[in-house]
Amino acid sequence: MPYAFIMNPTAGNGYAKQVMKQIAGMLDEWRMEYRILETTAPGDATEMAGKLADNPKISAVIAVGGDGTASEVAAGLVGTGKTMGIIPAGTGNDFIKTVRIPKDPSAAMKFMLDRPPRPVDTGEINGSFFLNVCGTGFDVTVLECAEEKKKKYRGLMPYFLGLLQAIRVYEPSKLQIIFNERDENGEYLVCSIANGKIIGGGIPICPEANVHDGKLDLVMIRNVPRWRIPFYLPGLMMSKDLTFRITEHVKTNAVTIRGKGLKFNIDGEIRRMDEASFIIRPESLMLIC
């Protein structure tokens, strides 16, 4: 039965189109059946994936793009039992690092042919889907600062440049965080709710996150003066943030975060809200990983 590829032609500043052409050439050489669908607007990939999930002639739905494309495709397939694959072709490609999908597109395609799907956890924020990591605080400022730089760079570089800019403009978040029958209040540098491990093109915000454990990982890093932020960055890049004295890490099934005018990173998309409630959906997506 054929594979269906959902490709975001703008992902990676057009890199996804090159990748899809390369993959199509491989499949033609192998005489495999396939379909290619291109997105034209946000939300297209979720709608397309939902329709393909009901098609018994499609053996797997493959996202070709970055983390946003993967998240949208997953949102359309979650709970359906339809197999999903990912061909990385975006800027950051963070989620594949958690589930150990090869970063080279050709290797990722061969990887999918050799392995059966496995059930992985997904999450919800206020009833909406997320796949990788959500959060509020310094990391959101980094994403905002990095957005313009994605037009020139791929990989970690736009996020690194965004990080340097964020140090100058960041303002701490005043949060109420409710989890595991606890109610915490204070100013936080970072508050992340993780299903996956990685954000920002390669920053291991929660190295202990596991998409197979049926838990969300809550990472709370208390605020520090602006001048001290750079001293924590090397440890953050080296997967040491959970060992900081200013960090608390817990596993939980549900989290609620409240604060006035908060900006949340939801799989790389920034949304503003005053309250966000998170839950885990164990083993809800079949993924080749």
C-alpha atoms as a PDB file:
ATOM      1  CA  MET A   1       0.000   0.000   0.000  1.00  0.00           C
ATOM      2  CA  PRO A   2       1.310   3.522  -0.762  1.00  0.00           C
ATOM      3  CA  TYR A   3       2.780   6.082   1.572  1.00  0.00           C
ATOM      4  CA  ALA A   4       1.264   9.571   1.663  1.00  0.00           C
ATOM      5  CA  PHE A   5       3.665  12.487   2.161  1.00  0.00           C
ATOM      6  CA  ILE A   6       2.430  15.796   3.575  1.00  0.00           C
ATOM      7  CA  MET A   7       5.013  18.405   2.665  1.00  0.00           C
ATOM      8  CA  ASN A   8       5.261  22.006   3.818  1.00  0.00           C
ATOM      9  CA  PRO A   9       6.956  23.749   0.856  1.00  0.00           C
ATOM     10  CA  THR A  10       8.045  26.719   3.000  1.00  0.00           C
ATOM     11  CA  ALA A  11       9.758  24.612   5.699  1.00  0.00           C
ATOM     12  CA  GLY A  12      13.473  25.240   6.000  1.00  0.00           C
ATOM     13  CA  ASN A  13      13.170  28.226   3.634  1.00  0.00           C
ATOM     14  CA  GLY A  14      12.205  25.872   0.824  1.00  0.00           C
ATOM     15  CA  TYR A  15      14.534  23.041   1.815  1.00  0.00           C
ATOM     16  CA  ALA A  16      11.538  20.717   2.215  1.00  0.00           C
ATOM     17  CA  LYS A  17      10.823  20.937  -1.528  1.00  0.00           C
ATOM     18  CA  GLN A  18      14.363  19.787  -2.299  1.00  0.00           C
ATOM     19  CA  VAL A  19      14.025  16.953   0.208  1.00  0.00           C
ATOM     20  CA  MET A  20      10.707  15.794  -1.238  1.00  0.00           C
ATOM     21  CA  LYS A  21      12.196  15.707  -4.727  1.00  0.00           C
ATOM     22  CA  GLN A  22      15.079  13.599  -3.415  1.00  0.00           C
ATOM     23  CA  ILE A  23      12.730  11.184  -1.612  1.00  0.00           C
ATOM     24  CA  ALA A  24      10.473  10.886  -4.665  1.00  0.00           C
ATOM     25  CA  GLY A  25      13.504   9.918  -6.720  1.00  0.00           C
ATOM     26  CA  MET A  26      14.367   7.179  -4.244  1.00  0.00           C
ATOM     27  CA  LEU A  27      10.822   5.827  -4.243  1.00  0.00           C
ATOM     28  CA  ASP A  28      10.648   5.854  -8.042  1.00  0.00           C
ATOM     29  CA  GLU A  29      13.880   3.886  -8.165  1.00  0.00           C
ATOM     30  CA  TRP A  30      12.448   1.369  -5.707  1.00  0.00           C
ATOM     31  CA  ARG A  31       9.153   1.294  -7.692  1.00  0.00           C
ATOM     32  CA  MET A  32       7.117   2.163  -4.639  1.00  0.00           C
ATOM     33  CA  GLU A  33       3.700   3.807  -4.741  1.00  0.00           C
ATOM     34  CA  TYR A  34       3.294   7.180  -3.041  1.00  0.00           C
ATOM     35  CA  ARG A  35       1.251  10.358  -2.910  1.00  0.00           C
ATOM     36  CA  ILE A  36       2.460  13.899  -2.212  1.00  0.00           C
ATOM     37  CA  LEU A  37       0.236  16.578  -0.697  1.00  0.00           C
ATOM     38  CA  GLU A  38       1.462  20.165  -0.243  1.00  0.00           C
ATOM     39  CA  THR A  39       0.232  22.492   2.468  1.00  0.00           C
ATOM     40  CA  THR A  40      -0.659  26.087   1.674  1.00  0.00           C
ATOM     41  CA  ALA A  41      -1.686  27.445   5.081  1.00  0.00           C
ATOM     42  CA  PRO A  42      -1.428  26.669   8.806  1.00  0.00           C
ATOM     43  CA  GLY A  43      -3.715  23.812   9.759  1.00  0.00           C
ATOM     44  CA  ASP A  44      -3.658  22.214   6.299  1.00  0.00           C
ATOM     45  CA  ALA A  45      -1.431  19.334   7.421  1.00  0.00           C
ATOM     46  CA  THR A  46      -3.801  18.421  10.270  1.00  0.00           C
ATOM     47  CA  GLU A  47      -6.825  18.393   7.962  1.00  0.00           C
ATOM     48  CA  MET A  48      -4.994  16.363   5.310  1.00  0.00           C
ATOM     49  CA  ALA A  49      -3.696  13.854   7.857  1.00  0.00           C
ATOM     50  CA  GLY A  50      -7.167  13.424   9.342  1.00  0.00           C
ATOM     51  CA  LYS A  51      -8.605  12.508   5.947  1.00  0.00           C
ATOM     52  CA  LEU A  52      -5.728  10.135   5.166  1.00  0.00           C
ATOM     53  CA  ALA A  53      -6.206   8.400   8.525  1.00  0.00           C
ATOM     54  CA  ASP A  54      -9.581   7.168   7.280  1.00  0.00           C
ATOM     55  CA  ASN A  55      -8.122   5.802   4.028  1.00  0.00           C
ATOM     56  CA  PRO A  56      -7.345   2.071   4.390  1.00  0.00           C
ATOM     57  CA  LYS A  57      -5.248   2.164   1.205  1.00  0.00           C
ATOM     58  CA  ILE A  58      -2.626   4.414   2.850  1.00  0.00           C
ATOM     59  CA  SER A  59      -0.147   2.468   4.966  1.00  0.00           C
ATOM     60  CA  ALA A  60       1.570   5.497   6.557  1.00  0.00           C
ATOM     61  CA  VAL A  61       1.403   9.282   6.561  1.00  0.00           C
ATOM     62  CA  ILE A  62       4.798  10.977   6.413  1.00  0.00           C
ATOM     63  CA  ALA A  63       5.439  14.571   7.509  1.00  0.00           C
ATOM     64  CA  VAL A  64       8.070  16.367   5.395  1.00  0.00           C
ATOM     65  CA  GLY A  65       9.085  19.615   7.048  1.00  0.00           C
ATOM     66  CA  GLY A  66      10.054  20.913  10.457  1.00  0.00           C
ATOM     67  CA  ASP A  67       8.636  20.516  13.948  1.00  0.00           C
ATOM     68  CA  GLY A  68       5.550  22.537  13.085  1.00  0.00           C
ATOM     69  CA  THR A  69       4.681  20.267  10.178  1.00  0.00           C
ATOM     70  CA  ALA A  70       5.311  17.138  12.257  1.00  0.00           C
ATOM     71  CA  SER A  71       3.091  18.484  15.031  1.00  0.00           C
ATOM     72  CA  GLU A  72       0.259  19.323  12.621  1.00  0.00           C
ATOM     73  CA  VAL A  73       0.383  15.904  10.958  1.00  0.00           C
ATOM     74  CA  ALA A  74       0.461  14.189  14.354  1.00  0.00           C
ATOM     75  CA  ALA A  75      -2.573  16.225  15.443  1.00  0.00           C
ATOM     76  CA  GLY A  76      -4.514  14.745  12.535  1.00  0.00           C
ATOM     77  CA  LEU A  77      -3.430  11.178  13.266  1.00  0.00           C
ATOM     78  CA  VAL A  78      -3.512  11.063  17.069  1.00  0.00           C
ATOM     79  CA  GLY A  79      -5.882   8.427  18.382  1.00  0.00           C
ATOM     80  CA  THR A  80      -6.547   6.929  14.938  1.00  0.00           C
ATOM     81  CA  GLY A  81      -3.965   4.129  14.969  1.00  0.00           C
ATOM     82  CA  LYS A  82      -2.643   5.216  11.549  1.00  0.00           C
ATOM     83  CA  THR A  83       1.149   5.014  11.256  1.00  0.00           C
ATOM     84  CA  MET A  84       3.120   8.264  11.066  1.00  0.00           C
ATOM     85  CA  GLY A  85       6.670   8.930   9.891  1.00  0.00           C
ATOM     86  CA  ILE A  86       8.847  12.043   9.825  1.00  0.00           C
ATOM     87  CA  ILE A  87      11.305  13.213   7.156  1.00  0.00           C
ATOM     88  CA  PRO A  88      13.181  16.143   8.769  1.00  0.00           C
ATOM     89  CA  ALA A  89      13.340  19.161   6.469  1.00  0.00           C
ATOM     90  CA  GLY A  90      12.811  22.188   8.694  1.00  0.00           C
ATOM     91  CA  THR A  91      14.908  24.675  10.627  1.00  0.00           C
ATOM     92  CA  GLY A  92      15.237  23.056  14.044  1.00  0.00           C
ATOM     93  CA  ASN A  93      13.970  19.462  13.641  1.00  0.00           C
ATOM     94  CA  ASP A  94      13.933  19.033  17.408  1.00  0.00           C
ATOM     95  CA  PHE A  95      11.447  16.210  17.964  1.00  0.00           C
ATOM     96  CA  ILE A  96      13.353  13.709  15.808  1.00  0.00           C
ATOM     97  CA  LYS A  97      16.260  13.942  18.263  1.00  0.00           C
ATOM     98  CA  THR A  98      14.040  12.601  21.054  1.00  0.00           C
ATOM     99  CA  VAL A  99      12.660   9.691  19.020  1.00  0.00           C
ATOM    100  CA  ARG A 100      15.999   9.016  17.274  1.00  0.00           C
ATOM    101  CA  ILE A 101      14.946   9.460  13.676  1.00  0.00           C
ATOM    102  CA  PRO A 102      18.006  10.144  11.463  1.00  0.00           C
ATOM    103  CA  LYS A 103      18.464  13.802  10.573  1.00  0.00           C
ATOM    104  CA  ASP A 104      19.531  12.997   7.010  1.00  0.00           C
ATOM    105  CA  PRO A 105      16.340  12.774   4.895  1.00  0.00           C
ATOM    106  CA  SER A 106      17.489   9.797   2.827  1.00  0.00           C
ATOM    107  CA  ALA A 107      18.545   7.920   5.950  1.00  0.00           C
ATOM    108  CA  ALA A 108      15.216   8.797   7.567  1.00  0.00           C
ATOM    109  CA  MET A 109      13.336   7.291   4.608  1.00  0.00           C
ATOM    110  CA  LYS A 110      15.336   4.066   4.782  1.00  0.00           C
ATOM    111  CA  PHE A 111      14.849   4.051   8.554  1.00  0.00           C
ATOM    112  CA  MET A 112      11.073   4.059   8.091  1.00  0.00           C
ATOM    113  CA  LEU A 113      11.183   1.073   5.750  1.00  0.00           C
ATOM    114  CA  ASP A 114      13.127  -0.989   8.283  1.00  0.00           C
ATOM    115  CA  ARG A 115      11.104  -0.425  11.466  1.00  0.00           C
ATOM    116  CA  PRO A 116       7.546  -0.973  12.671  1.00  0.00           C
ATOM    117  CA  PRO A 117       5.652   1.873  14.367  1.00  0.00           C
ATOM    118  CA  ARG A 118       5.681   2.281  18.138  1.00  0.00           C
ATOM    119  CA  PRO A 119       3.102   4.005  20.339  1.00  0.00           C
ATOM    120  CA  VAL A 120       4.318   7.330  21.732  1.00  0.00           C
ATOM    121  CA  ASP A 121       2.785   9.815  24.155  1.00  0.00           C
ATOM    122  CA  THR A 122       1.356  13.152  23.096  1.00  0.00           C
ATOM    123  CA  GLY A 123       0.009  16.080  25.097  1.00  0.00           C
ATOM    124  CA  GLU A 124      -2.821  18.584  25.244  1.00  0.00           C
ATOM    125  CA  ILE A 125      -2.842  22.257  26.194  1.00  0.00           C
ATOM    126  CA  ASN A 126      -6.318  23.647  26.842  1.00  0.00           C
ATOM    127  CA  GLY A 127      -7.721  20.813  24.752  1.00  0.00           C
ATOM    128  CA  SER A 128      -5.387  21.454  21.802  1.00  0.00           C
ATOM    129  CA  PHE A 129      -2.700  19.033  20.658  1.00  0.00           C
ATOM    130  CA  PHE A 130       1.045  19.255  21.219  1.00  0.00           C
ATOM    131  CA  LEU A 131       3.783  16.785  20.391  1.00  0.00           C
ATOM    132  CA  ASN A 132       7.112  18.013  21.695  1.00  0.00           C
ATOM    133  CA  VAL A 133       7.487  20.811  24.289  1.00  0.00           C
ATOM    134  CA  CYS A 134       5.423  23.740  25.546  1.00  0.00           C
ATOM    135  CA  GLY A 135       6.566  26.473  27.869  1.00  0.00           C
ATOM    136  CA  THR A 136       6.716  30.084  28.872  1.00  0.00           C
ATOM    137  CA  GLY A 137       9.579  32.351  29.851  1.00  0.00           C
ATOM    138  CA  PHE A 138      13.041  32.946  28.443  1.00  0.00           C
ATOM    139  CA  ASP A 139      12.721  30.234  25.771  1.00  0.00           C
ATOM    140  CA  VAL A 140       9.721  32.026  24.252  1.00  0.00           C
ATOM    141  CA  THR A 141      11.733  35.236  24.042  1.00  0.00           C
ATOM    142  CA  VAL A 142      14.476  33.278  22.278  1.00  0.00           C
ATOM    143  CA  LEU A 143      11.961  31.917  19.745  1.00  0.00           C
ATOM    144  CA  GLU A 144      10.608  35.404  19.058  1.00  0.00           C
ATOM    145  CA  CYS A 145      14.099  36.777  18.536  1.00  0.00           C
ATOM    146  CA  ALA A 146      15.086  33.833  16.333  1.00  0.00           C
ATOM    147  CA  GLU A 147      12.109  34.047  13.969  1.00  0.00           C
ATOM    148  CA  GLU A 148      13.571  36.661  11.618  1.00  0.00           C
ATOM    149  CA  LYS A 149      16.942  34.905  11.612  1.00  0.00           C
ATOM    150  CA  LYS A 150      15.380  31.671  10.292  1.00  0.00           C
ATOM    151  CA  LYS A 151      15.180  33.368   6.895  1.00  0.00           C
ATOM    152  CA  LYS A 152      18.977  33.235   6.635  1.00  0.00           C
ATOM    153  CA  TYR A 153      20.026  30.204   8.695  1.00  0.00           C
ATOM    154  CA  ARG A 154      18.993  26.627   9.451  1.00  0.00           C
ATOM    155  CA  GLY A 155      19.818  24.376  12.418  1.00  0.00           C
ATOM    156  CA  LEU A 156      20.962  25.870  15.725  1.00  0.00           C
ATOM    157  CA  MET A 157      22.310  29.205  14.389  1.00  0.00           C
ATOM    158  CA  PRO A 158      19.068  31.266  14.342  1.00  0.00           C
ATOM    159  CA  TYR A 159      18.285  30.106  17.879  1.00  0.00           C
ATOM    160  CA  PHE A 160      21.813  30.885  19.086  1.00  0.00           C
ATOM    161  CA  LEU A 161      21.609  34.409  17.673  1.00  0.00           C
ATOM    162  CA  GLY A 162      18.107  34.736  19.089  1.00  0.00           C
ATOM    163  CA  LEU A 163      19.391  33.632  22.481  1.00  0.00           C
ATOM    164  CA  LEU A 164      22.019  36.381  22.540  1.00  0.00           C
ATOM    165  CA  GLN A 165      19.393  38.969  21.676  1.00  0.00           C
ATOM    166  CA  ALA A 166      16.935  37.540  24.216  1.00  0.00           C
ATOM    167  CA  ILE A 167      19.344  38.138  27.094  1.00  0.00           C
ATOM    168  CA  ARG A 168      19.034  41.884  26.456  1.00  0.00           C
ATOM    169  CA  VAL A 169      15.245  42.077  26.153  1.00  0.00           C
ATOM    170  CA  TYR A 170      13.885  39.288  28.387  1.00  0.00           C
ATOM    171  CA  GLU A 171      11.476  40.061  31.238  1.00  0.00           C
ATOM    172  CA  PRO A 172      10.761  37.382  33.910  1.00  0.00           C
ATOM    173  CA  SER A 173       7.366  35.683  34.143  1.00  0.00           C
ATOM    174  CA  LYS A 174       5.236  35.797  37.310  1.00  0.00           C
ATOM    175  CA  LEU A 175       3.530  32.422  37.450  1.00  0.00           C
ATOM    176  CA  GLN A 176       1.175  30.291  39.484  1.00  0.00           C
ATOM    177  CA  ILE A 177       2.002  26.622  38.785  1.00  0.00           C
ATOM    178  CA  ILE A 178      -0.347  23.878  39.995  1.00  0.00           C
ATOM    179  CA  PHE A 179       0.739  20.231  39.802  1.00  0.00           C
ATOM    180  CA  ASN A 180       0.704  17.056  41.942  1.00  0.00           C
ATOM    181  CA  GLU A 181      -1.496  18.795  44.574  1.00  0.00           C
ATOM    182  CA  ARG A 182       1.066  21.608  44.876  1.00  0.00           C
ATOM    183  CA  ASP A 183       0.557  25.317  44.212  1.00  0.00           C
ATOM    184  CA  GLU A 184       3.750  27.285  43.496  1.00  0.00           C
ATOM    185  CA  ASN A 185       3.963  31.047  42.932  1.00  0.00           C
ATOM    186  CA  GLY A 186       6.928  33.163  41.876  1.00  0.00           C
ATOM    187  CA  GLU A 187       9.082  34.554  39.085  1.00  0.00           C
ATOM    188  CA  TYR A 188      10.556  31.988  36.718  1.00  0.00           C
ATOM    189  CA  LEU A 189      13.202  32.176  34.035  1.00  0.00           C
ATOM    190  CA  VAL A 190      11.820  29.055  32.321  1.00  0.00           C
ATOM    191  CA  CYS A 191       8.762  26.899  32.850  1.00  0.00           C
ATOM    192  CA  SER A 192       8.634  24.038  30.349  1.00  0.00           C
ATOM    193  CA  ILE A 193       6.179  21.170  29.991  1.00  0.00           C
ATOM    194  CA  ALA A 194       7.952  18.478  28.021  1.00  0.00           C
ATOM    195  CA  ASN A 195       6.980  15.351  26.163  1.00  0.00           C
ATOM    196  CA  GLY A 196      10.187  15.511  24.098  1.00  0.00           C
ATOM    197  CA  LYS A 197      13.676  16.523  25.197  1.00  0.00           C
ATOM    198  CA  ILE A 198      14.797  19.240  22.785  1.00  0.00           C
ATOM    199  CA  ILE A 199      13.808  22.805  21.822  1.00  0.00           C
ATOM    200  CA  GLY A 200      15.374  25.660  19.862  1.00  0.00           C
ATOM    201  CA  GLY A 201      17.309  23.697  17.258  1.00  0.00           C
ATOM    202  CA  GLY A 202      19.126  21.510  19.777  1.00  0.00           C
ATOM    203  CA  ILE A 203      18.738  22.845  23.337  1.00  0.00           C
ATOM    204  CA  PRO A 204      18.116  19.883  25.694  1.00  0.00           C
ATOM    205  CA  ILE A 205      15.577  21.583  27.952  1.00  0.00           C
ATOM    206  CA  CYS A 206      14.581  18.267  29.574  1.00  0.00           C
ATOM    207  CA  PRO A 207      17.106  15.465  29.000  1.00  0.00           C
ATOM    208  CA  GLU A 208      15.052  13.024  31.101  1.00  0.00           C
ATOM    209  CA  ALA A 209      11.842  13.367  29.092  1.00  0.00           C
ATOM    210  CA  ASN A 210      10.587  10.105  27.599  1.00  0.00           C
ATOM    211  CA  VAL A 211       7.768   9.773  25.042  1.00  0.00           C
ATOM    212  CA  HIS A 212       7.040   6.245  26.312  1.00  0.00           C
ATOM    213  CA  ASP A 213       6.623   6.865  30.070  1.00  0.00           C
ATOM    214  CA  GLY A 214       3.072   8.239  30.158  1.00  0.00           C
ATOM    215  CA  LYS A 215       4.195  11.405  31.984  1.00  0.00           C
ATOM    216  CA  LEU A 216       4.763  15.071  31.344  1.00  0.00           C
ATOM    217  CA  ASP A 217       8.084  16.527  32.532  1.00  0.00           C
ATOM    218  CA  LEU A 218       7.706  19.870  34.280  1.00  0.00           C
ATOM    219  CA  VAL A 219      10.910  21.942  34.389  1.00  0.00           C
ATOM    220  CA  MET A 220      10.832  25.100  36.541  1.00  0.00           C
ATOM    221  CA  ILE A 221      13.913  27.340  36.567  1.00  0.00           C
ATOM    222  CA  ARG A 222      13.629  30.226  39.005  1.00  0.00           C
ATOM    223  CA  ASN A 223      14.448  33.732  37.856  1.00  0.00           C
ATOM    224  CA  VAL A 224      17.943  35.203  38.198  1.00  0.00           C
ATOM    225  CA  PRO A 225      19.281  38.717  37.489  1.00  0.00           C
ATOM    226  CA  ARG A 226      19.842  39.376  33.788  1.00  0.00           C
ATOM    227  CA  TRP A 227      23.631  39.511  34.177  1.00  0.00           C
ATOM    228  CA  ARG A 228      23.662  35.948  35.570  1.00  0.00           C
ATOM    229  CA  ILE A 229      21.773  34.344  32.665  1.00  0.00           C
ATOM    230  CA  PRO A 230      24.893  33.800  30.484  1.00  0.00           C
ATOM    231  CA  PHE A 231      26.528  31.792  33.283  1.00  0.00           C
ATOM    232  CA  TYR A 232      23.765  29.174  33.013  1.00  0.00           C
ATOM    233  CA  LEU A 233      23.803  28.853  29.228  1.00  0.00           C
ATOM    234  CA  PRO A 234      26.773  26.431  28.919  1.00  0.00           C
ATOM    235  CA  GLY A 235      25.135  24.078  31.413  1.00  0.00           C
ATOM    236  CA  LEU A 236      21.851  24.327  29.534  1.00  0.00           C
ATOM    237  CA  MET A 237      23.515  23.402  26.245  1.00  0.00           C
ATOM    238  CA  MET A 238      25.287  20.475  27.932  1.00  0.00           C
ATOM    239  CA  SER A 239      22.083  18.907  29.334  1.00  0.00           C
ATOM    240  CA  LYS A 240      22.887  20.111  32.864  1.00  0.00           C
ATOM    241  CA  ASP A 241      19.914  22.391  33.502  1.00  0.00           C
ATOM    242  CA  LEU A 242      18.136  19.826  35.701  1.00  0.00           C
ATOM    243  CA  THR A 243      21.117  19.943  38.086  1.00  0.00           C
ATOM    244  CA  PHE A 244      20.996  23.722  38.623  1.00  0.00           C
ATOM    245  CA  ARG A 245      20.173  24.784  42.180  1.00  0.00           C
ATOM    246  CA  ILE A 246      17.528  27.091  40.732  1.00  0.00           C
ATOM    247  CA  THR A 247      15.808  24.209  38.868  1.00  0.00           C
ATOM    248  CA  GLU A 248      13.055  21.853  39.974  1.00  0.00           C
ATOM    249  CA  HIS A 249      12.051  18.919  37.770  1.00  0.00           C
ATOM    250  CA  VAL A 250       9.024  16.711  38.370  1.00  0.00           C
ATOM    251  CA  LYS A 251       7.032  14.166  36.397  1.00  0.00           C
ATOM    252  CA  THR A 252       3.276  14.609  36.400  1.00  0.00           C
ATOM    253  CA  ASN A 253       0.060  13.771  34.564  1.00  0.00           C
ATOM    254  CA  ALA A 254      -1.300  17.318  34.552  1.00  0.00           C
ATOM    255  CA  VAL A 255      -0.124  20.918  35.048  1.00  0.00           C
ATOM    256  CA  THR A 256      -1.921  24.258  35.150  1.00  0.00           C
ATOM    257  CA  ILE A 257      -0.031  27.542  34.711  1.00  0.00           C
ATOM    258  CA  ARG A 258      -1.564  30.958  35.307  1.00  0.00           C
ATOM    259  CA  GLY A 259      -0.240  34.448  34.715  1.00  0.00           C
ATOM    260  CA  LYS A 260      -1.307  37.706  33.113  1.00  0.00           C
ATOM    261  CA  GLY A 261      -0.655  37.975  29.362  1.00  0.00           C
ATOM    262  CA  LEU A 262       1.655  34.970  29.192  1.00  0.00           C
ATOM    263  CA  LYS A 263       3.214  33.886  25.920  1.00  0.00           C
ATOM    264  CA  PHE A 264       3.492  30.124  25.439  1.00  0.00           C
ATOM    265  CA  ASN A 265       5.661  28.194  23.024  1.00  0.00           C
ATOM    266  CA  ILE A 266       3.544  25.325  21.706  1.00  0.00           C
ATOM    267  CA  ASP A 267       5.711  23.132  19.472  1.00  0.00           C
ATOM    268  CA  GLY A 268       7.427  26.271  18.166  1.00  0.00           C
ATOM    269  CA  GLU A 269       4.255  28.344  17.728  1.00  0.00           C
ATOM    270  CA  ILE A 270       3.783  31.256  20.129  1.00  0.00           C
ATOM    271  CA  ARG A 271       0.332  31.935  21.583  1.00  0.00           C
ATOM    272  CA  ARG A 272      -0.785  34.372  24.261  1.00  0.00           C
ATOM    273  CA  MET A 273      -3.024  33.223  27.130  1.00  0.00           C
ATOM    274  CA  ASP A 274      -3.573  33.836  30.857  1.00  0.00           C
ATOM    275  CA  GLU A 275      -4.069  30.174  31.785  1.00  0.00           C
ATOM    276  CA  ALA A 276      -2.804  26.930  30.282  1.00  0.00           C
ATOM    277  CA  SER A 277      -3.822  23.455  31.423  1.00  0.00           C
ATOM    278  CA  PHE A 278      -1.736  20.500  30.257  1.00  0.00           C
ATOM    279  CA  ILE A 279      -2.460  16.768  30.282  1.00  0.00           C
ATOM    280  CA  ILE A 280      -0.628  13.721  28.920  1.00  0.00           C
ATOM    281  CA  ARG A 281      -2.201  11.320  26.410  1.00  0.00           C
ATOM    282  CA  PRO A 282      -0.229   8.067  26.831  1.00  0.00           C
ATOM    283  CA  GLU A 283       0.552   5.936  23.756  1.00  0.00           C
ATOM    284  CA  SER A 284      -1.841   7.930  21.589  1.00  0.00           C
ATOM    285  CA  LEU A 285       0.214   8.139  18.369  1.00  0.00           C
ATOM    286  CA  MET A 286       1.739   5.345  16.267  1.00  0.00           C
ATOM    287  CA  LEU A 287       5.134   6.613  15.112  1.00  0.00           C
ATOM    288  CA  ILE A 288       7.999   4.981  13.235  1.00  0.00           C
ATOM    289  CA  CYS A 289      10.828   5.787  15.633  1.00  0.00           C
END
